[in-house]
Amino acid sequence: MRLVYRPAARDDLDAIYDFIEPDSPARALSFVQEIRASCRHLLAHPQLGPARDDLGTGIRLYPLRGRVVVAYRAFADRIEVVRVFYGGQDYAALMRDDI
């Protein structure tokens, strides 16, 4: 099993870093690293988040730290991180726009 980040998820992580970096570059880096470490837990627990097929086929949501929501899909050979939302973004509206 492997962990794969879709391009939009990588862009989301970059945006989270860019948002925090002006105040604290070190914290921006550690926060993104913490998100990535938390995503690795999905490899052992692929069904951890609730299913949200209304947001896309096979989508599950994994809330982290109260301000982060990871949208992912679980496959037999991989976990695919589709998007990473931060700070109260309306993930439902943003995901529906991607369908």
PDB file of N, CA and C in Angstrom:
ATOM      1  N   MET A   1       0.869  -1.180   0.000  1.00  0.00           N
ATOM      2  CA  MET A   1       0.000   0.000   0.000  1.00  0.00           C
ATOM      3  C   MET A   1       0.907   1.231   0.000  1.00  0.00           C
ATOM      4  N   ARG A   2       0.513   2.220  -0.779  1.00  0.00           N
ATOM      5  CA  ARG A   2       1.296   3.464  -0.843  1.00  0.00           C
ATOM      6  C   ARG A   2       0.371   4.664  -0.717  1.00  0.00           C
ATOM      7  N   LEU A   3       0.954   5.784  -0.373  1.00  0.00           N
ATOM      8  CA  LEU A   3       0.224   7.042  -0.214  1.00  0.00           C
ATOM      9  C   LEU A   3       0.555   7.939  -1.392  1.00  0.00           C
ATOM     10  N   VAL A   4      -0.488   8.400  -2.095  1.00  0.00           N
ATOM     11  CA  VAL A   4      -0.323   9.223  -3.287  1.00  0.00           C
ATOM     12  C   VAL A   4      -1.085  10.529  -3.079  1.00  0.00           C
ATOM     13  N   TYR A   5      -0.451  11.642  -3.421  1.00  0.00           N
ATOM     14  CA  TYR A   5      -1.106  12.953  -3.358  1.00  0.00           C
ATOM     15  C   TYR A   5      -1.445  13.398  -4.773  1.00  0.00           C
ATOM     16  N   ARG A   6      -2.713  13.669  -5.030  1.00  0.00           N
ATOM     17  CA  ARG A   6      -3.125  14.227  -6.316  1.00  0.00           C
ATOM     18  C   ARG A   6      -2.542  15.637  -6.433  1.00  0.00           C
ATOM     19  N   PRO A   7      -2.392  16.152  -7.650  1.00  0.00           N
ATOM     20  CA  PRO A   7      -1.843  17.503  -7.820  1.00  0.00           C
ATOM     21  C   PRO A   7      -2.598  18.566  -7.010  1.00  0.00           C
ATOM     22  N   ALA A   8      -3.919  18.486  -6.956  1.00  0.00           N
ATOM     23  CA  ALA A   8      -4.691  19.481  -6.197  1.00  0.00           C
ATOM     24  C   ALA A   8      -4.351  19.413  -4.708  1.00  0.00           C
ATOM     25  N   ALA A   9      -4.117  18.215  -4.177  1.00  0.00           N
ATOM     26  CA  ALA A   9      -3.753  18.063  -2.766  1.00  0.00           C
ATOM     27  C   ALA A   9      -2.368  18.660  -2.503  1.00  0.00           C
ATOM     28  N   ARG A  10      -1.443  18.447  -3.423  1.00  0.00           N
ATOM     29  CA  ARG A  10      -0.109  19.059  -3.271  1.00  0.00           C
ATOM     30  C   ARG A  10      -0.221  20.583  -3.320  1.00  0.00           C
ATOM     31  N   ASP A  11      -1.054  21.088  -4.204  1.00  0.00           N
ATOM     32  CA  ASP A  11      -1.284  22.536  -4.268  1.00  0.00           C
ATOM     33  C   ASP A  11      -1.899  23.047  -2.974  1.00  0.00           C
ATOM     34  N   ASP A  12      -2.829  22.273  -2.405  1.00  0.00           N
ATOM     35  CA  ASP A  12      -3.445  22.668  -1.132  1.00  0.00           C
ATOM     36  C   ASP A  12      -2.401  22.749  -0.023  1.00  0.00           C
ATOM     37  N   LEU A  13      -1.511  21.758   0.048  1.00  0.00           N
ATOM     38  CA  LEU A  13      -0.456  21.787   1.071  1.00  0.00           C
ATOM     39  C   LEU A  13       0.472  22.982   0.873  1.00  0.00           C
ATOM     40  N   ASP A  14       0.789  23.289  -0.367  1.00  0.00           N
ATOM     41  CA  ASP A  14       1.607  24.476  -0.655  1.00  0.00           C
ATOM     42  C   ASP A  14       0.890  25.745  -0.204  1.00  0.00           C
ATOM     43  N   ALA A  15      -0.420  25.814  -0.427  1.00  0.00           N
ATOM     44  CA  ALA A  15      -1.196  26.995  -0.037  1.00  0.00           C
ATOM     45  C   ALA A  15      -1.254  27.136   1.486  1.00  0.00           C
ATOM     46  N   ILE A  16      -1.368  26.014   2.191  1.00  0.00           N
ATOM     47  CA  ILE A  16      -1.361  26.059   3.656  1.00  0.00           C
ATOM     48  C   ILE A  16      -0.015  26.579   4.142  1.00  0.00           C
ATOM     49  N   TYR A  17       1.051  26.074   3.564  1.00  0.00           N
ATOM     50  CA  TYR A  17       2.390  26.559   3.921  1.00  0.00           C
ATOM     51  C   TYR A  17       2.495  28.060   3.652  1.00  0.00           C
ATOM     52  N   ASP A  18       2.087  28.480   2.476  1.00  0.00           N
ATOM     53  CA  ASP A  18       2.183  29.898   2.097  1.00  0.00           C
ATOM     54  C   ASP A  18       1.365  30.797   3.018  1.00  0.00           C
ATOM     55  N   PHE A  19       0.246  30.298   3.522  1.00  0.00           N
ATOM     56  CA  PHE A  19      -0.602  31.079   4.419  1.00  0.00           C
ATOM     57  C   PHE A  19       0.069  31.294   5.779  1.00  0.00           C
ATOM     58  N   ILE A  20       0.727  30.263   6.295  1.00  0.00           N
ATOM     59  CA  ILE A  20       1.339  30.324   7.626  1.00  0.00           C
ATOM     60  C   ILE A  20       2.738  30.920   7.589  1.00  0.00           C
ATOM     61  N   GLU A  21       3.453  30.733   6.513  1.00  0.00           N
ATOM     62  CA  GLU A  21       4.869  31.091   6.404  1.00  0.00           C
ATOM     63  C   GLU A  21       5.206  32.536   6.753  1.00  0.00           C
ATOM     64  N   PRO A  22       4.422  33.541   6.366  1.00  0.00           N
ATOM     65  CA  PRO A  22       4.817  34.918   6.707  1.00  0.00           C
ATOM     66  C   PRO A  22       4.945  35.149   8.222  1.00  0.00           C
ATOM     67  N   ASP A  23       4.127  34.461   9.005  1.00  0.00           N
ATOM     68  CA  ASP A  23       4.200  34.612  10.456  1.00  0.00           C
ATOM     69  C   ASP A  23       5.265  33.728  11.081  1.00  0.00           C
ATOM     70  N   SER A  24       5.453  32.526  10.536  1.00  0.00           N
ATOM     71  CA  SER A  24       6.408  31.589  11.125  1.00  0.00           C
ATOM     72  C   SER A  24       6.793  30.516  10.111  1.00  0.00           C
ATOM     73  N   PRO A  25       7.908  30.712   9.411  1.00  0.00           N
ATOM     74  CA  PRO A  25       8.330  29.712   8.429  1.00  0.00           C
ATOM     75  C   PRO A  25       8.528  28.323   9.042  1.00  0.00           C
ATOM     76  N   ALA A  26       9.086  28.279  10.235  1.00  0.00           N
ATOM     77  CA  ALA A  26       9.322  26.983  10.880  1.00  0.00           C
ATOM     78  C   ALA A  26       7.996  26.283  11.185  1.00  0.00           C
ATOM     79  N   ARG A  27       7.029  27.035  11.675  1.00  0.00           N
ATOM     80  CA  ARG A  27       5.723  26.444  11.997  1.00  0.00           C
ATOM     81  C   ARG A  27       4.993  26.024  10.724  1.00  0.00           C
ATOM     82  N   ALA A  28       5.132  26.794   9.655  1.00  0.00           N
ATOM     83  CA  ALA A  28       4.506  26.426   8.385  1.00  0.00           C
ATOM     84  C   ALA A  28       5.006  25.062   7.924  1.00  0.00           C
ATOM     85  N   LEU A  29       6.320  24.878   7.997  1.00  0.00           N
ATOM     86  CA  LEU A  29       6.911  23.604   7.574  1.00  0.00           C
ATOM     87  C   LEU A  29       6.462  22.468   8.490  1.00  0.00           C
ATOM     88  N   SER A  30       6.520  22.684   9.797  1.00  0.00           N
ATOM     89  CA  SER A  30       6.154  21.604  10.724  1.00  0.00           C
ATOM     90  C   SER A  30       4.667  21.264  10.610  1.00  0.00           C
ATOM     91  N   PHE A  31       3.816  22.257  10.364  1.00  0.00           N
ATOM     92  CA  PHE A  31       2.386  21.999  10.244  1.00  0.00           C
ATOM     93  C   PHE A  31       2.094  21.129   9.029  1.00  0.00           C
ATOM     94  N   VAL A  32       2.702  21.447   7.905  1.00  0.00           N
ATOM     95  CA  VAL A  32       2.504  20.636   6.696  1.00  0.00           C
ATOM     96  C   VAL A  32       3.060  19.230   6.920  1.00  0.00           C
ATOM     97  N   GLN A  33       4.187  19.129   7.605  1.00  0.00           N
ATOM     98  CA  GLN A  33       4.751  17.814   7.909  1.00  0.00           C
ATOM     99  C   GLN A  33       3.805  17.005   8.811  1.00  0.00           C
ATOM    100  N   GLU A  34       3.167  17.672   9.769  1.00  0.00           N
ATOM    101  CA  GLU A  34       2.205  17.001  10.649  1.00  0.00           C
ATOM    102  C   GLU A  34       0.997  16.487   9.853  1.00  0.00           C
ATOM    103  N   ILE A  35       0.536  17.279   8.901  1.00  0.00           N
ATOM    104  CA  ILE A  35      -0.582  16.833   8.053  1.00  0.00           C
ATOM    105  C   ILE A  35      -0.169  15.591   7.274  1.00  0.00           C
ATOM    106  N   ARG A  36       1.012  15.630   6.686  1.00  0.00           N
ATOM    107  CA  ARG A  36       1.491  14.480   5.909  1.00  0.00           C
ATOM    108  C   ARG A  36       1.651  13.241   6.797  1.00  0.00           C
ATOM    109  N   ALA A  37       2.158  13.431   8.007  1.00  0.00           N
ATOM    110  CA  ALA A  37       2.310  12.301   8.939  1.00  0.00           C
ATOM    111  C   ALA A  37       0.946  11.722   9.296  1.00  0.00           C
ATOM    112  N   SER A  38      -0.024  12.580   9.510  1.00  0.00           N
ATOM    113  CA  SER A  38      -1.377  12.109   9.825  1.00  0.00           C
ATOM    114  C   SER A  38      -1.971  11.340   8.646  1.00  0.00           C
ATOM    115  N   CYS A  39      -1.699  11.786   7.445  1.00  0.00           N
ATOM    116  CA  CYS A  39      -2.195  11.079   6.262  1.00  0.00           C
ATOM    117  C   CYS A  39      -1.601   9.670   6.172  1.00  0.00           C
ATOM    118  N   ARG A  40      -0.392   9.494   6.654  1.00  0.00           N
ATOM    119  CA  ARG A  40       0.221   8.162   6.627  1.00  0.00           C
ATOM    120  C   ARG A  40      -0.555   7.167   7.496  1.00  0.00           C
ATOM    121  N   HIS A  41      -1.274   7.647   8.509  1.00  0.00           N
ATOM    122  CA  HIS A  41      -2.105   6.764   9.338  1.00  0.00           C
ATOM    123  C   HIS A  41      -3.189   6.085   8.504  1.00  0.00           C
ATOM    124  N   LEU A  42      -3.577   6.719   7.411  1.00  0.00           N
ATOM    125  CA  LEU A  42      -4.604   6.136   6.554  1.00  0.00           C
ATOM    126  C   LEU A  42      -4.134   4.833   5.908  1.00  0.00           C
ATOM    127  N   LEU A  43      -2.831   4.652   5.783  1.00  0.00           N
ATOM    128  CA  LEU A  43      -2.319   3.414   5.200  1.00  0.00           C
ATOM    129  C   LEU A  43      -2.705   2.210   6.055  1.00  0.00           C
ATOM    130  N   ALA A  44      -2.702   2.380   7.365  1.00  0.00           N
ATOM    131  CA  ALA A  44      -3.079   1.295   8.278  1.00  0.00           C
ATOM    132  C   ALA A  44      -4.580   1.241   8.525  1.00  0.00           C
ATOM    133  N   HIS A  45      -5.255   2.369   8.312  1.00  0.00           N
ATOM    134  CA  HIS A  45      -6.688   2.467   8.594  1.00  0.00           C
ATOM    135  C   HIS A  45      -7.403   3.154   7.424  1.00  0.00           C
ATOM    136  N   PRO A  46      -7.489   2.489   6.286  1.00  0.00           N
ATOM    137  CA  PRO A  46      -8.021   3.147   5.084  1.00  0.00           C
ATOM    138  C   PRO A  46      -9.492   3.538   5.153  1.00  0.00           C
ATOM    139  N   GLN A  47     -10.238   2.946   6.051  1.00  0.00           N
ATOM    140  CA  GLN A  47     -11.663   3.270   6.164  1.00  0.00           C
ATOM    141  C   GLN A  47     -11.928   4.224   7.327  1.00  0.00           C
ATOM    142  N   LEU A  48     -10.910   4.912   7.797  1.00  0.00           N
ATOM    143  CA  LEU A  48     -11.003   5.756   8.987  1.00  0.00           C
ATOM    144  C   LEU A  48     -12.047   6.861   8.864  1.00  0.00           C
ATOM    145  N   GLY A  49     -12.051   7.560   7.767  1.00  0.00           N
ATOM    146  CA  GLY A  49     -12.977   8.678   7.594  1.00  0.00           C
ATOM    147  C   GLY A  49     -14.322   8.227   7.062  1.00  0.00           C
ATOM    148  N   PRO A  50     -15.369   8.995   7.353  1.00  0.00           N
ATOM    149  CA  PRO A  50     -16.690   8.629   6.840  1.00  0.00           C
ATOM    150  C   PRO A  50     -16.757   8.775   5.317  1.00  0.00           C
ATOM    151  N   ALA A  51     -17.510   7.882   4.697  1.00  0.00           N
ATOM    152  CA  ALA A  51     -17.708   7.936   3.247  1.00  0.00           C
ATOM    153  C   ALA A  51     -18.574   9.135   2.897  1.00  0.00           C
ATOM    154  N   ARG A  52     -18.204   9.821   1.821  1.00  0.00           N
ATOM    155  CA  ARG A  52     -18.961  10.979   1.329  1.00  0.00           C
ATOM    156  C   ARG A  52     -19.075  10.903  -0.185  1.00  0.00           C
ATOM    157  N   ASP A  53     -19.800   9.901  -0.657  1.00  0.00           N
ATOM    158  CA  ASP A  53     -19.985   9.740  -2.103  1.00  0.00           C
ATOM    159  C   ASP A  53     -20.696  10.933  -2.729  1.00  0.00           C
ATOM    160  N   ASP A  54     -21.376  11.742  -1.909  1.00  0.00           N
ATOM    161  CA  ASP A  54     -22.011  12.945  -2.439  1.00  0.00           C
ATOM    162  C   ASP A  54     -20.972  13.962  -2.917  1.00  0.00           C
ATOM    163  N   LEU A  55     -19.730  13.797  -2.459  1.00  0.00           N
ATOM    164  CA  LEU A  55     -18.651  14.710  -2.858  1.00  0.00           C
ATOM    165  C   LEU A  55     -17.796  14.134  -3.980  1.00  0.00           C
ATOM    166  N   GLY A  56     -18.038  12.892  -4.340  1.00  0.00           N
ATOM    167  CA  GLY A  56     -17.277  12.227  -5.388  1.00  0.00           C
ATOM    168  C   GLY A  56     -17.226  10.737  -5.097  1.00  0.00           C
ATOM    169  N   THR A  57     -17.170   9.934  -6.116  1.00  0.00           N
ATOM    170  CA  THR A  57     -17.161   8.483  -5.946  1.00  0.00           C
ATOM    171  C   THR A  57     -15.983   8.040  -5.090  1.00  0.00           C
ATOM    172  N   GLY A  58     -16.309   7.334  -4.000  1.00  0.00           N
ATOM    173  CA  GLY A  58     -15.272   6.775  -3.137  1.00  0.00           C
ATOM    174  C   GLY A  58     -14.615   7.758  -2.183  1.00  0.00           C
ATOM    175  N   ILE A  59     -15.067   8.999  -2.153  1.00  0.00           N
ATOM    176  CA  ILE A  59     -14.444  10.011  -1.286  1.00  0.00           C
ATOM    177  C   ILE A  59     -14.758   9.707   0.176  1.00  0.00           C
ATOM    178  N   ARG A  60     -13.719   9.835   1.006  1.00  0.00           N
ATOM    179  CA  ARG A  60     -13.842   9.772   2.450  1.00  0.00           C
ATOM    180  C   ARG A  60     -13.204  11.038   3.003  1.00  0.00           C
ATOM    181  N   LEU A  61     -13.664  11.473   4.173  1.00  0.00           N
ATOM    182  CA  LEU A  61     -13.114  12.670   4.813  1.00  0.00           C
ATOM    183  C   LEU A  61     -12.425  12.290   6.116  1.00  0.00           C
ATOM    184  N   TYR A  62     -11.265  12.865   6.326  1.00  0.00           N
ATOM    185  CA  TYR A  62     -10.465  12.603   7.518  1.00  0.00           C
ATOM    186  C   TYR A  62     -10.173  13.951   8.174  1.00  0.00           C
ATOM    187  N   PRO A  63     -10.905  14.298   9.242  1.00  0.00           N
ATOM    188  CA  PRO A  63     -10.656  15.576   9.918  1.00  0.00           C
ATOM    189  C   PRO A  63      -9.417  15.494  10.808  1.00  0.00           C
ATOM    190  N   LEU A  64      -8.620  16.558  10.791  1.00  0.00           N
ATOM    191  CA  LEU A  64      -7.393  16.627  11.592  1.00  0.00           C
ATOM    192  C   LEU A  64      -7.329  17.949  12.339  1.00  0.00           C
ATOM    193  N   ARG A  65      -6.943  17.897  13.582  1.00  0.00           N
ATOM    194  CA  ARG A  65      -6.624  19.085  14.366  1.00  0.00           C
ATOM    195  C   ARG A  65      -7.721  20.153  14.369  1.00  0.00           C
ATOM    196  N   GLY A  66      -8.944  19.799  14.063  1.00  0.00           N
ATOM    197  CA  GLY A  66     -10.051  20.739  14.114  1.00  0.00           C
ATOM    198  C   GLY A  66     -10.112  21.753  12.994  1.00  0.00           C
ATOM    199  N   ARG A  67      -9.038  21.941  12.250  1.00  0.00           N
ATOM    200  CA  ARG A  67      -9.007  22.956  11.193  1.00  0.00           C
ATOM    201  C   ARG A  67      -8.617  22.390   9.828  1.00  0.00           C
ATOM    202  N   VAL A  68      -8.325  21.108   9.781  1.00  0.00           N
ATOM    203  CA  VAL A  68      -7.882  20.484   8.529  1.00  0.00           C
ATOM    204  C   VAL A  68      -8.825  19.328   8.209  1.00  0.00           C
ATOM    205  N   VAL A  69      -9.210  19.229   6.949  1.00  0.00           N
ATOM    206  CA  VAL A  69     -10.008  18.107   6.469  1.00  0.00           C
ATOM    207  C   VAL A  69      -9.308  17.552   5.226  1.00  0.00           C
ATOM    208  N   VAL A  70      -9.005  16.262   5.277  1.00  0.00           N
ATOM    209  CA  VAL A  70      -8.362  15.580   4.162  1.00  0.00           C
ATOM    210  C   VAL A  70      -9.429  14.770   3.427  1.00  0.00           C
ATOM    211  N   ALA A  71      -9.564  14.999   2.136  1.00  0.00           N
ATOM    212  CA  ALA A  71     -10.453  14.205   1.287  1.00  0.00           C
ATOM    213  C   ALA A  71      -9.579  13.170   0.577  1.00  0.00           C
ATOM    214  N   TYR A  72      -9.984  11.898   0.688  1.00  0.00           N
ATOM    215  CA  TYR A  72      -9.159  10.832   0.109  1.00  0.00           C
ATOM    216  C   TYR A  72     -10.018   9.701  -0.424  1.00  0.00           C
ATOM    217  N   ARG A  73      -9.369   8.851  -1.197  1.00  0.00           N
ATOM    218  CA  ARG A  73      -9.980   7.615  -1.695  1.00  0.00           C
ATOM    219  C   ARG A  73      -9.066   6.453  -1.306  1.00  0.00           C
ATOM    220  N   ALA A  74      -9.678   5.347  -0.921  1.00  0.00           N
ATOM    221  CA  ALA A  74      -8.925   4.147  -0.579  1.00  0.00           C
ATOM    222  C   ALA A  74      -9.075   3.128  -1.707  1.00  0.00           C
ATOM    223  N   PHE A  75      -7.959   2.660  -2.198  1.00  0.00           N
ATOM    224  CA  PHE A  75      -7.920   1.616  -3.222  1.00  0.00           C
ATOM    225  C   PHE A  75      -7.185   0.410  -2.643  1.00  0.00           C
ATOM    226  N   ALA A  76      -7.220  -0.697  -3.319  1.00  0.00           N
ATOM    227  CA  ALA A  76      -6.555  -1.907  -2.832  1.00  0.00           C
ATOM    228  C   ALA A  76      -5.048  -1.705  -2.677  1.00  0.00           C
ATOM    229  N   ASP A  77      -4.445  -0.901  -3.540  1.00  0.00           N
ATOM    230  CA  ASP A  77      -2.992  -0.743  -3.534  1.00  0.00           C
ATOM    231  C   ASP A  77      -2.501   0.621  -3.072  1.00  0.00           C
ATOM    232  N   ARG A  78      -3.436   1.555  -2.784  1.00  0.00           N
ATOM    233  CA  ARG A  78      -2.985   2.908  -2.441  1.00  0.00           C
ATOM    234  C   ARG A  78      -4.090   3.695  -1.732  1.00  0.00           C
ATOM    235  N   ILE A  79      -3.636   4.709  -1.018  1.00  0.00           N
ATOM    236  CA  ILE A  79      -4.512   5.756  -0.512  1.00  0.00           C
ATOM    237  C   ILE A  79      -4.204   6.974  -1.361  1.00  0.00           C
ATOM    238  N   GLU A  80      -5.222   7.566  -1.922  1.00  0.00           N
ATOM    239  CA  GLU A  80      -5.058   8.721  -2.798  1.00  0.00           C
ATOM    240  C   GLU A  80      -5.643   9.949  -2.095  1.00  0.00           C
ATOM    241  N   VAL A  81      -4.765  10.872  -1.684  1.00  0.00           N
ATOM    242  CA  VAL A  81      -5.213  12.124  -1.079  1.00  0.00           C
ATOM    243  C   VAL A  81      -5.626  13.049  -2.216  1.00  0.00           C
ATOM    244  N   VAL A  82      -6.900  13.395  -2.224  1.00  0.00           N
ATOM    245  CA  VAL A  82      -7.479  14.164  -3.319  1.00  0.00           C
ATOM    246  C   VAL A  82      -7.348  15.664  -3.058  1.00  0.00           C
ATOM    247  N   ARG A  83      -7.703  16.099  -1.838  1.00  0.00           N
ATOM    248  CA  ARG A  83      -7.630  17.515  -1.461  1.00  0.00           C
ATOM    249  C   ARG A  83      -7.309  17.610   0.028  1.00  0.00           C
ATOM    250  N   VAL A  84      -6.771  18.755   0.429  1.00  0.00           N
ATOM    251  CA  VAL A  84      -6.521  19.060   1.837  1.00  0.00           C
ATOM    252  C   VAL A  84      -7.069  20.466   2.080  1.00  0.00           C
ATOM    253  N   PHE A  85      -8.081  20.559   2.941  1.00  0.00           N
ATOM    254  CA  PHE A  85      -8.741  21.837   3.222  1.00  0.00           C
ATOM    255  C   PHE A  85      -8.326  22.333   4.596  1.00  0.00           C
ATOM    256  N   TYR A  86      -8.236  23.656   4.731  1.00  0.00           N
ATOM    257  CA  TYR A  86      -7.733  24.258   5.967  1.00  0.00           C
ATOM    258  C   TYR A  86      -8.553  25.480   6.349  1.00  0.00           C
ATOM    259  N   GLY A  87      -8.705  25.665   7.638  1.00  0.00           N
ATOM    260  CA  GLY A  87      -9.249  26.910   8.165  1.00  0.00           C
ATOM    261  C   GLY A  87     -10.689  27.189   7.829  1.00  0.00           C
ATOM    262  N   GLY A  88     -11.533  26.184   7.849  1.00  0.00           N
ATOM    263  CA  GLY A  88     -12.951  26.428   7.645  1.00  0.00           C
ATOM    264  C   GLY A  88     -13.385  26.573   6.198  1.00  0.00           C
ATOM    265  N   GLN A  89     -12.549  26.161   5.254  1.00  0.00           N
ATOM    266  CA  GLN A  89     -12.965  26.206   3.854  1.00  0.00           C
ATOM    267  C   GLN A  89     -14.217  25.351   3.676  1.00  0.00           C
ATOM    268  N   ASP A  90     -15.090  25.748   2.795  1.00  0.00           N
ATOM    269  CA  ASP A  90     -16.307  24.998   2.512  1.00  0.00           C
ATOM    270  C   ASP A  90     -15.946  23.848   1.571  1.00  0.00           C
ATOM    271  N   TYR A  91     -15.422  22.772   2.169  1.00  0.00           N
ATOM    272  CA  TYR A  91     -14.934  21.653   1.356  1.00  0.00           C
ATOM    273  C   TYR A  91     -16.047  21.014   0.527  1.00  0.00           C
ATOM    274  N   ALA A  92     -17.261  20.989   1.061  1.00  0.00           N
ATOM    275  CA  ALA A  92     -18.360  20.375   0.313  1.00  0.00           C
ATOM    276  C   ALA A  92     -18.597  21.127  -0.993  1.00  0.00           C
ATOM    277  N   ALA A  93     -18.650  22.450  -0.934  1.00  0.00           N
ATOM    278  CA  ALA A  93     -18.853  23.244  -2.149  1.00  0.00           C
ATOM    279  C   ALA A  93     -17.661  23.106  -3.094  1.00  0.00           C
ATOM    280  N   LEU A  94     -16.458  23.130  -2.555  1.00  0.00           N
ATOM    281  CA  LEU A  94     -15.268  23.017  -3.397  1.00  0.00           C
ATOM    282  C   LEU A  94     -15.167  21.644  -4.047  1.00  0.00           C
ATOM    283  N   MET A  95     -15.521  20.597  -3.320  1.00  0.00           N
ATOM    284  CA  MET A  95     -15.469  19.243  -3.900  1.00  0.00           C
ATOM    285  C   MET A  95     -16.559  19.075  -4.945  1.00  0.00           C
ATOM    286  N   ARG A  96     -17.722  19.598  -4.712  1.00  0.00           N
ATOM    287  CA  ARG A  96     -18.806  19.462  -5.696  1.00  0.00           C
ATOM    288  C   ARG A  96     -18.437  20.173  -7.000  1.00  0.00           C
ATOM    289  N   ASP A  97     -17.674  21.251  -6.900  1.00  0.00           N
ATOM    290  CA  ASP A  97     -17.227  21.954  -8.100  1.00  0.00           C
ATOM    291  C   ASP A  97     -16.299  21.081  -8.929  1.00  0.00           C
ATOM    292  N   ASP A  98     -15.608  20.121  -8.279  1.00  0.00           N
ATOM    293  CA  ASP A  98     -14.650  19.242  -8.973  1.00  0.00           C
ATOM    294  C   ASP A  98     -15.321  18.044  -9.622  1.00  0.00           C
ATOM    295  N   ILE A  99     -16.568  17.743  -9.236  1.00  0.00           N
ATOM    296  CA  ILE A  99     -17.238  16.530  -9.744  1.00  0.00           C
ATOM    297  C   ILE A  99     -17.511  16.680 -11.233  1.00  0.00           C
TER     298      ILE A  99
END
